[in-house]
C-alpha cells in the first residue's frame, strides 16, 4: 500500500471531540495503535482490502470489517 504510516488525517479539534464523544474512543490514538475507533477491535486482524480502505482507516479509524458494515462490500 502506498502510505502505511499509522497517522490519522487532520480534523478540527471540535470534530475529533465530537467523534470521541460519540464512540468513546480517540480516533487519532486508535489509528496510531491500529485499533478500530468504532468497534475497539484490532484493526490488523483483517487486512485492509486496498489502499483506499487503508486511507479510510486513517480518516475514520474504522477497521475493514466496520468499513464493510458501513459502506457495504463492492462486487468488483
PDB file of N, CA and C in Angstrom:
ATOM      1  N   UNK A   1       0.842  -1.176   0.000  1.00  0.00           N
ATOM      2  CA  UNK A   1       0.000   0.000   0.000  1.00  0.00           C
ATOM      3  C   UNK A   1       0.887   1.240   0.000  1.00  0.00           C
ATOM      4  N   UNK A   2       0.338   2.308  -0.451  1.00  0.00           N
ATOM      5  CA  UNK A   2       1.156   3.492  -0.682  1.00  0.00           C
ATOM      6  C   UNK A   2       1.650   4.151   0.588  1.00  0.00           C
ATOM      7  N   UNK A   3       0.783   4.531   1.494  1.00  0.00           N
ATOM      8  CA  UNK A   3       1.199   5.219   2.711  1.00  0.00           C
ATOM      9  C   UNK A   3       0.722   4.418   3.916  1.00  0.00           C
ATOM     10  N   UNK A   4       1.588   3.583   4.440  1.00  0.00           N
ATOM     11  CA  UNK A   4       1.209   2.712   5.545  1.00  0.00           C
ATOM     12  C   UNK A   4       1.521   3.343   6.896  1.00  0.00           C
ATOM     13  N   UNK A   5       1.728   4.641   6.930  1.00  0.00           N
ATOM     14  CA  UNK A   5       2.023   5.330   8.170  1.00  0.00           C
ATOM     15  C   UNK A   5       0.794   5.303   9.086  1.00  0.00           C
ATOM     16  N   UNK A   6       1.007   4.969  10.352  1.00  0.00           N
ATOM     17  CA  UNK A   6      -0.083   4.949  11.330  1.00  0.00           C
ATOM     18  C   UNK A   6      -0.311   6.356  11.849  1.00  0.00           C
ATOM     19  N   UNK A   7      -0.845   7.202  10.992  1.00  0.00           N
ATOM     20  CA  UNK A   7      -1.091   8.585  11.376  1.00  0.00           C
ATOM     21  C   UNK A   7      -2.474   8.976  10.871  1.00  0.00           C
ATOM     22  N   UNK A   8      -3.289   9.458  11.777  1.00  0.00           N
ATOM     23  CA  UNK A   8      -4.640   9.880  11.416  1.00  0.00           C
ATOM     24  C   UNK A   8      -4.588  11.173  10.617  1.00  0.00           C
ATOM     25  N   UNK A   9      -5.528  11.327   9.716  1.00  0.00           N
ATOM     26  CA  UNK A   9      -5.643  12.582   8.982  1.00  0.00           C
ATOM     27  C   UNK A   9      -6.104  13.680   9.943  1.00  0.00           C
ATOM     28  N   UNK A  10      -5.794  14.914   9.599  1.00  0.00           N
ATOM     29  CA  UNK A  10      -6.172  16.048  10.449  1.00  0.00           C
ATOM     30  C   UNK A  10      -7.675  16.290  10.380  1.00  0.00           C
ATOM     31  N   UNK A  11      -8.257  16.524  11.528  1.00  0.00           N
ATOM     32  CA  UNK A  11      -9.632  17.004  11.645  1.00  0.00           C
ATOM     33  C   UNK A  11      -9.606  18.136  12.661  1.00  0.00           C
ATOM     34  N   UNK A  12     -10.531  19.029  12.568  1.00  0.00           N
ATOM     35  CA  UNK A  12     -10.572  20.115  13.540  1.00  0.00           C
ATOM     36  C   UNK A  12     -10.754  19.513  14.938  1.00  0.00           C
ATOM     37  N   UNK A  13     -10.228  20.173  15.948  1.00  0.00           N
ATOM     38  CA  UNK A  13     -10.376  19.659  17.317  1.00  0.00           C
ATOM     39  C   UNK A  13     -11.837  19.440  17.715  1.00  0.00           C
ATOM     40  N   UNK A  14     -12.738  20.275  17.208  1.00  0.00           N
ATOM     41  CA  UNK A  14     -14.157  20.124  17.532  1.00  0.00           C
ATOM     42  C   UNK A  14     -14.724  18.833  16.940  1.00  0.00           C
ATOM     43  N   UNK A  15     -14.331  18.510  15.719  1.00  0.00           N
ATOM     44  CA  UNK A  15     -14.802  17.267  15.086  1.00  0.00           C
ATOM     45  C   UNK A  15     -14.224  16.059  15.826  1.00  0.00           C
ATOM     46  N   UNK A  16     -12.929  16.101  16.136  1.00  0.00           N
ATOM     47  CA  UNK A  16     -12.338  14.994  16.891  1.00  0.00           C
ATOM     48  C   UNK A  16     -13.019  14.825  18.245  1.00  0.00           C
ATOM     49  N   UNK A  17     -13.343  15.926  18.914  1.00  0.00           N
ATOM     50  CA  UNK A  17     -14.022  15.847  20.211  1.00  0.00           C
ATOM     51  C   UNK A  17     -15.417  15.239  20.057  1.00  0.00           C
ATOM     52  N   UNK A  18     -16.124  15.605  19.001  1.00  0.00           N
ATOM     53  CA  UNK A  18     -17.443  15.041  18.735  1.00  0.00           C
ATOM     54  C   UNK A  18     -17.345  13.538  18.490  1.00  0.00           C
ATOM     55  N   UNK A  19     -16.398  13.129  17.651  1.00  0.00           N
ATOM     56  CA  UNK A  19     -16.227  11.705  17.365  1.00  0.00           C
ATOM     57  C   UNK A  19     -15.880  10.922  18.626  1.00  0.00           C
ATOM     58  N   UNK A  20     -15.033  11.487  19.464  1.00  0.00           N
ATOM     59  CA  UNK A  20     -14.675  10.838  20.727  1.00  0.00           C
ATOM     60  C   UNK A  20     -15.901  10.716  21.622  1.00  0.00           C
ATOM     61  N   UNK A  21     -16.721  11.753  21.663  1.00  0.00           N
ATOM     62  CA  UNK A  21     -17.936  11.711  22.477  1.00  0.00           C
ATOM     63  C   UNK A  21     -18.917  10.656  21.961  1.00  0.00           C
ATOM     64  N   UNK A  22     -18.995  10.507  20.644  1.00  0.00           N
ATOM     65  CA  UNK A  22     -19.919   9.538  20.050  1.00  0.00           C
ATOM     66  C   UNK A  22     -19.459   8.095  20.227  1.00  0.00           C
ATOM     67  N   UNK A  23     -18.164   7.852  20.063  1.00  0.00           N
ATOM     68  CA  UNK A  23     -17.661   6.473  20.092  1.00  0.00           C
ATOM     69  C   UNK A  23     -17.033   6.083  21.422  1.00  0.00           C
ATOM     70  N   UNK A  24     -16.644   7.080  22.204  1.00  0.00           N
ATOM     71  CA  UNK A  24     -15.943   6.784  23.449  1.00  0.00           C
ATOM     72  C   UNK A  24     -14.481   6.447  23.229  1.00  0.00           C
ATOM     73  N   UNK A  25     -13.995   6.644  21.998  1.00  0.00           N
ATOM     74  CA  UNK A  25     -12.607   6.335  21.659  1.00  0.00           C
ATOM     75  C   UNK A  25     -11.995   7.509  20.912  1.00  0.00           C
ATOM     76  N   UNK A  26     -10.726   7.780  21.183  1.00  0.00           N
ATOM     77  CA  UNK A  26      -9.999   8.838  20.497  1.00  0.00           C
ATOM     78  C   UNK A  26      -9.539   8.309  19.138  1.00  0.00           C
ATOM     79  N   UNK A  27     -10.067   8.889  18.063  1.00  0.00           N
ATOM     80  CA  UNK A  27      -9.767   8.422  16.703  1.00  0.00           C
ATOM     81  C   UNK A  27      -8.274   8.453  16.404  1.00  0.00           C
ATOM     82  N   UNK A  28      -7.603   9.529  16.765  1.00  0.00           N
ATOM     83  CA  UNK A  28      -6.172   9.666  16.487  1.00  0.00           C
ATOM     84  C   UNK A  28      -5.372   8.591  17.203  1.00  0.00           C
ATOM     85  N   UNK A  29      -5.662   8.374  18.471  1.00  0.00           N
ATOM     86  CA  UNK A  29      -4.964   7.331  19.239  1.00  0.00           C
ATOM     87  C   UNK A  29      -5.259   5.950  18.677  1.00  0.00           C
ATOM     88  N   UNK A  30      -6.485   5.745  18.231  1.00  0.00           N
ATOM     89  CA  UNK A  30      -6.848   4.448  17.643  1.00  0.00           C
ATOM     90  C   UNK A  30      -6.046   4.179  16.374  1.00  0.00           C
ATOM     91  N   UNK A  31      -5.951   5.167  15.502  1.00  0.00           N
ATOM     92  CA  UNK A  31      -5.189   4.977  14.263  1.00  0.00           C
ATOM     93  C   UNK A  31      -3.730   4.682  14.591  1.00  0.00           C
ATOM     94  N   UNK A  32      -3.167   5.428  15.514  1.00  0.00           N
ATOM     95  CA  UNK A  32      -1.759   5.226  15.869  1.00  0.00           C
ATOM     96  C   UNK A  32      -1.507   3.853  16.480  1.00  0.00           C
ATOM     97  N   UNK A  33      -2.480   3.314  17.197  1.00  0.00           N
ATOM     98  CA  UNK A  33      -2.310   1.995  17.823  1.00  0.00           C
ATOM     99  C   UNK A  33      -2.932   0.870  17.008  1.00  0.00           C
ATOM    100  N   UNK A  34      -3.435   1.197  15.808  1.00  0.00           N
ATOM    101  CA  UNK A  34      -4.077   0.232  14.916  1.00  0.00           C
ATOM    102  C   UNK A  34      -5.254  -0.465  15.591  1.00  0.00           C
ATOM    103  N   UNK A  35      -6.057   0.336  16.282  1.00  0.00           N
ATOM    104  CA  UNK A  35      -7.268  -0.138  16.936  1.00  0.00           C
ATOM    105  C   UNK A  35      -8.449   0.533  16.257  1.00  0.00           C
ATOM    106  N   UNK A  36      -9.538  -0.178  16.090  1.00  0.00           N
ATOM    107  CA  UNK A  36     -10.712   0.392  15.437  1.00  0.00           C
ATOM    108  C   UNK A  36     -11.420   1.368  16.370  1.00  0.00           C
ATOM    109  N   UNK A  37     -11.675   2.562  15.877  1.00  0.00           N
ATOM    110  CA  UNK A  37     -12.373   3.587  16.659  1.00  0.00           C
ATOM    111  C   UNK A  37     -13.852   3.270  16.794  1.00  0.00           C
ATOM    112  N   UNK A  38     -14.372   2.384  15.962  1.00  0.00           N
ATOM    113  CA  UNK A  38     -15.793   2.051  16.006  1.00  0.00           C
ATOM    114  C   UNK A  38     -16.059   0.863  16.932  1.00  0.00           C
ATOM    115  N   UNK A  39     -15.395  -0.262  16.675  1.00  0.00           N
ATOM    116  CA  UNK A  39     -15.669  -1.478  17.454  1.00  0.00           C
ATOM    117  C   UNK A  39     -14.648  -1.728  18.557  1.00  0.00           C
ATOM    118  N   UNK A  40     -13.512  -1.044  18.506  1.00  0.00           N
ATOM    119  CA  UNK A  40     -12.477  -1.231  19.516  1.00  0.00           C
ATOM    120  C   UNK A  40     -11.580  -2.427  19.272  1.00  0.00           C
ATOM    121  N   UNK A  41     -11.827  -3.134  18.184  1.00  0.00           N
ATOM    122  CA  UNK A  41     -11.039  -4.320  17.865  1.00  0.00           C
ATOM    123  C   UNK A  41      -9.699  -3.990  17.226  1.00  0.00           C
ATOM    124  N   UNK A  42      -8.924  -5.025  17.018  1.00  0.00           N
ATOM    125  CA  UNK A  42      -7.610  -4.928  16.384  1.00  0.00           C
ATOM    126  C   UNK A  42      -7.812  -4.661  14.891  1.00  0.00           C
ATOM    127  N   UNK A  43      -7.388  -3.501  14.431  1.00  0.00           N
ATOM    128  CA  UNK A  43      -7.592  -3.129  13.026  1.00  0.00           C
ATOM    129  C   UNK A  43      -6.732  -3.957  12.084  1.00  0.00           C
ATOM    130  N   UNK A  44      -5.746  -4.668  12.599  1.00  0.00           N
ATOM    131  CA  UNK A  44      -4.893  -5.514  11.758  1.00  0.00           C
ATOM    132  C   UNK A  44      -5.428  -6.929  11.627  1.00  0.00           C
ATOM    133  N   UNK A  45      -6.450  -7.278  12.434  1.00  0.00           N
ATOM    134  CA  UNK A  45      -6.992  -8.632  12.426  1.00  0.00           C
ATOM    135  C   UNK A  45      -7.420  -9.046  11.017  1.00  0.00           C
ATOM    136  N   UNK A  46      -8.104  -8.155  10.340  1.00  0.00           N
ATOM    137  CA  UNK A  46      -8.498  -8.389   8.955  1.00  0.00           C
ATOM    138  C   UNK A  46      -7.756  -7.353   8.122  1.00  0.00           C
ATOM    139  N   UNK A  47      -6.931  -7.809   7.214  1.00  0.00           N
ATOM    140  CA  UNK A  47      -6.106  -6.909   6.405  1.00  0.00           C
ATOM    141  C   UNK A  47      -6.992  -5.943   5.614  1.00  0.00           C
ATOM    142  N   UNK A  48      -6.492  -4.745   5.419  1.00  0.00           N
ATOM    143  CA  UNK A  48      -7.220  -3.788   4.606  1.00  0.00           C
ATOM    144  C   UNK A  48      -7.194  -4.240   3.161  1.00  0.00           C
ATOM    145  N   UNK A  49      -8.325  -4.114   2.510  1.00  0.00           N
ATOM    146  CA  UNK A  49      -8.536  -4.652   1.170  1.00  0.00           C
ATOM    147  C   UNK A  49      -7.669  -3.966   0.108  1.00  0.00           C
ATOM    148  N   UNK A  50      -7.459  -2.670   0.256  1.00  0.00           N
ATOM    149  CA  UNK A  50      -6.745  -1.919  -0.768  1.00  0.00           C
ATOM    150  C   UNK A  50      -6.272  -0.597  -0.175  1.00  0.00           C
ATOM    151  N   UNK A  51      -5.492   0.170  -0.928  1.00  0.00           N
ATOM    152  CA  UNK A  51      -5.009   1.455  -0.407  1.00  0.00           C
ATOM    153  C   UNK A  51      -6.129   2.420  -0.018  1.00  0.00           C
ATOM    154  N   UNK A  52      -7.253   2.376  -0.724  1.00  0.00           N
ATOM    155  CA  UNK A  52      -8.366   3.250  -0.389  1.00  0.00           C
ATOM    156  C   UNK A  52      -8.952   2.896   0.982  1.00  0.00           C
ATOM    157  N   UNK A  53      -9.029   1.623   1.298  1.00  0.00           N
ATOM    158  CA  UNK A  53      -9.529   1.191   2.610  1.00  0.00           C
ATOM    159  C   UNK A  53      -8.575   1.616   3.716  1.00  0.00           C
ATOM    160  N   UNK A  54      -7.269   1.539   3.448  1.00  0.00           N
ATOM    161  CA  UNK A  54      -6.280   1.997   4.434  1.00  0.00           C
ATOM    162  C   UNK A  54      -6.446   3.501   4.648  1.00  0.00           C
ATOM    163  N   UNK A  55      -6.638   4.256   3.575  1.00  0.00           N
ATOM    164  CA  UNK A  55      -6.827   5.699   3.684  1.00  0.00           C
ATOM    165  C   UNK A  55      -8.083   6.001   4.498  1.00  0.00           C
ATOM    166  N   UNK A  56      -9.136   5.246   4.278  1.00  0.00           N
ATOM    167  CA  UNK A  56     -10.364   5.432   5.064  1.00  0.00           C
ATOM    168  C   UNK A  56     -10.095   5.170   6.542  1.00  0.00           C
ATOM    169  N   UNK A  57      -9.257   4.191   6.856  1.00  0.00           N
ATOM    170  CA  UNK A  57      -8.886   3.948   8.249  1.00  0.00           C
ATOM    171  C   UNK A  57      -8.202   5.173   8.838  1.00  0.00           C
ATOM    172  N   UNK A  58      -7.314   5.795   8.077  1.00  0.00           N
ATOM    173  CA  UNK A  58      -6.634   6.998   8.559  1.00  0.00           C
ATOM    174  C   UNK A  58      -7.617   8.157   8.766  1.00  0.00           C
ATOM    175  N   UNK A  59      -8.675   8.186   7.981  1.00  0.00           N
ATOM    176  CA  UNK A  59      -9.681   9.244   8.080  1.00  0.00           C
ATOM    177  C   UNK A  59     -10.660   8.970   9.222  1.00  0.00           C
ATOM    178  N   UNK A  60     -11.211   7.769   9.259  1.00  0.00           N
ATOM    179  CA  UNK A  60     -12.301   7.466  10.197  1.00  0.00           C
ATOM    180  C   UNK A  60     -11.880   6.632  11.398  1.00  0.00           C
ATOM    181  N   UNK A  61     -10.796   5.877  11.254  1.00  0.00           N
ATOM    182  CA  UNK A  61     -10.393   4.971  12.318  1.00  0.00           C
ATOM    183  C   UNK A  61     -11.143   3.650  12.280  1.00  0.00           C
ATOM    184  N   UNK A  62     -11.902   3.396  11.218  1.00  0.00           N
ATOM    185  CA  UNK A  62     -12.674   2.154  11.126  1.00  0.00           C
ATOM    186  C   UNK A  62     -11.849   1.029  10.509  1.00  0.00           C
ATOM    187  N   UNK A  63     -11.894  -0.147  11.148  1.00  0.00           N
ATOM    188  CA  UNK A  63     -11.231  -1.332  10.601  1.00  0.00           C
ATOM    189  C   UNK A  63     -11.960  -1.776   9.328  1.00  0.00           C
ATOM    190  N   UNK A  64     -11.390  -2.749   8.615  1.00  0.00           N
ATOM    191  CA  UNK A  64     -12.004  -3.201   7.362  1.00  0.00           C
ATOM    192  C   UNK A  64     -13.402  -3.754   7.598  1.00  0.00           C
ATOM    193  N   UNK A  65     -13.606  -4.510   8.659  1.00  0.00           N
ATOM    194  CA  UNK A  65     -14.930  -5.086   8.932  1.00  0.00           C
ATOM    195  C   UNK A  65     -15.971  -3.989   9.172  1.00  0.00           C
ATOM    196  N   UNK A  66     -15.611  -2.951   9.935  1.00  0.00           N
ATOM    197  CA  UNK A  66     -16.549  -1.852  10.181  1.00  0.00           C
ATOM    198  C   UNK A  66     -16.796  -1.053   8.903  1.00  0.00           C
ATOM    199  N   UNK A  67     -15.763  -0.854   8.101  1.00  0.00           N
ATOM    200  CA  UNK A  67     -15.959  -0.177   6.813  1.00  0.00           C
ATOM    201  C   UNK A  67     -16.946  -0.959   5.959  1.00  0.00           C
ATOM    202  N   UNK A  68     -16.793  -2.282   5.926  1.00  0.00           N
ATOM    203  CA  UNK A  68     -17.697  -3.117   5.130  1.00  0.00           C
ATOM    204  C   UNK A  68     -19.136  -3.008   5.630  1.00  0.00           C
ATOM    205  N   UNK A  69     -19.315  -2.939   6.943  1.00  0.00           N
ATOM    206  CA  UNK A  69     -20.659  -2.797   7.504  1.00  0.00           C
ATOM    207  C   UNK A  69     -21.279  -1.447   7.151  1.00  0.00           C
ATOM    208  N   UNK A  70     -20.475  -0.404   7.211  1.00  0.00           N
ATOM    209  CA  UNK A  70     -20.986   0.949   6.955  1.00  0.00           C
ATOM    210  C   UNK A  70     -21.179   1.207   5.468  1.00  0.00           C
ATOM    211  N   UNK A  71     -20.177   0.858   4.656  1.00  0.00           N
ATOM    212  CA  UNK A  71     -20.206   1.204   3.229  1.00  0.00           C
ATOM    213  C   UNK A  71     -20.646   0.057   2.326  1.00  0.00           C
ATOM    214  N   UNK A  72     -20.701  -1.163   2.852  1.00  0.00           N
ATOM    215  CA  UNK A  72     -21.009  -2.322   2.032  1.00  0.00           C
ATOM    216  C   UNK A  72     -19.736  -2.852   1.387  1.00  0.00           C
ATOM    217  N   UNK A  73     -19.873  -3.981   0.725  1.00  0.00           N
ATOM    218  CA  UNK A  73     -18.739  -4.624   0.066  1.00  0.00           C
ATOM    219  C   UNK A  73     -18.980  -4.582  -1.429  1.00  0.00           C
ATOM    220  N   UNK A  74     -17.999  -4.084  -2.164  1.00  0.00           N
ATOM    221  CA  UNK A  74     -18.112  -3.992  -3.607  1.00  0.00           C
ATOM    222  C   UNK A  74     -18.053  -5.372  -4.236  1.00  0.00           C
ATOM    223  N   UNK A  75     -18.817  -5.580  -5.286  1.00  0.00           N
ATOM    224  CA  UNK A  75     -18.819  -6.866  -6.000  1.00  0.00           C
ATOM    225  C   UNK A  75     -17.725  -6.926  -7.064  1.00  0.00           C
ATOM    226  N   UNK A  76     -16.926  -5.864  -7.191  1.00  0.00           N
ATOM    227  CA  UNK A  76     -15.894  -5.804  -8.244  1.00  0.00           C
ATOM    228  C   UNK A  76     -14.859  -6.851  -8.048  1.00  0.00           C
TER     229      UNK A  76
END
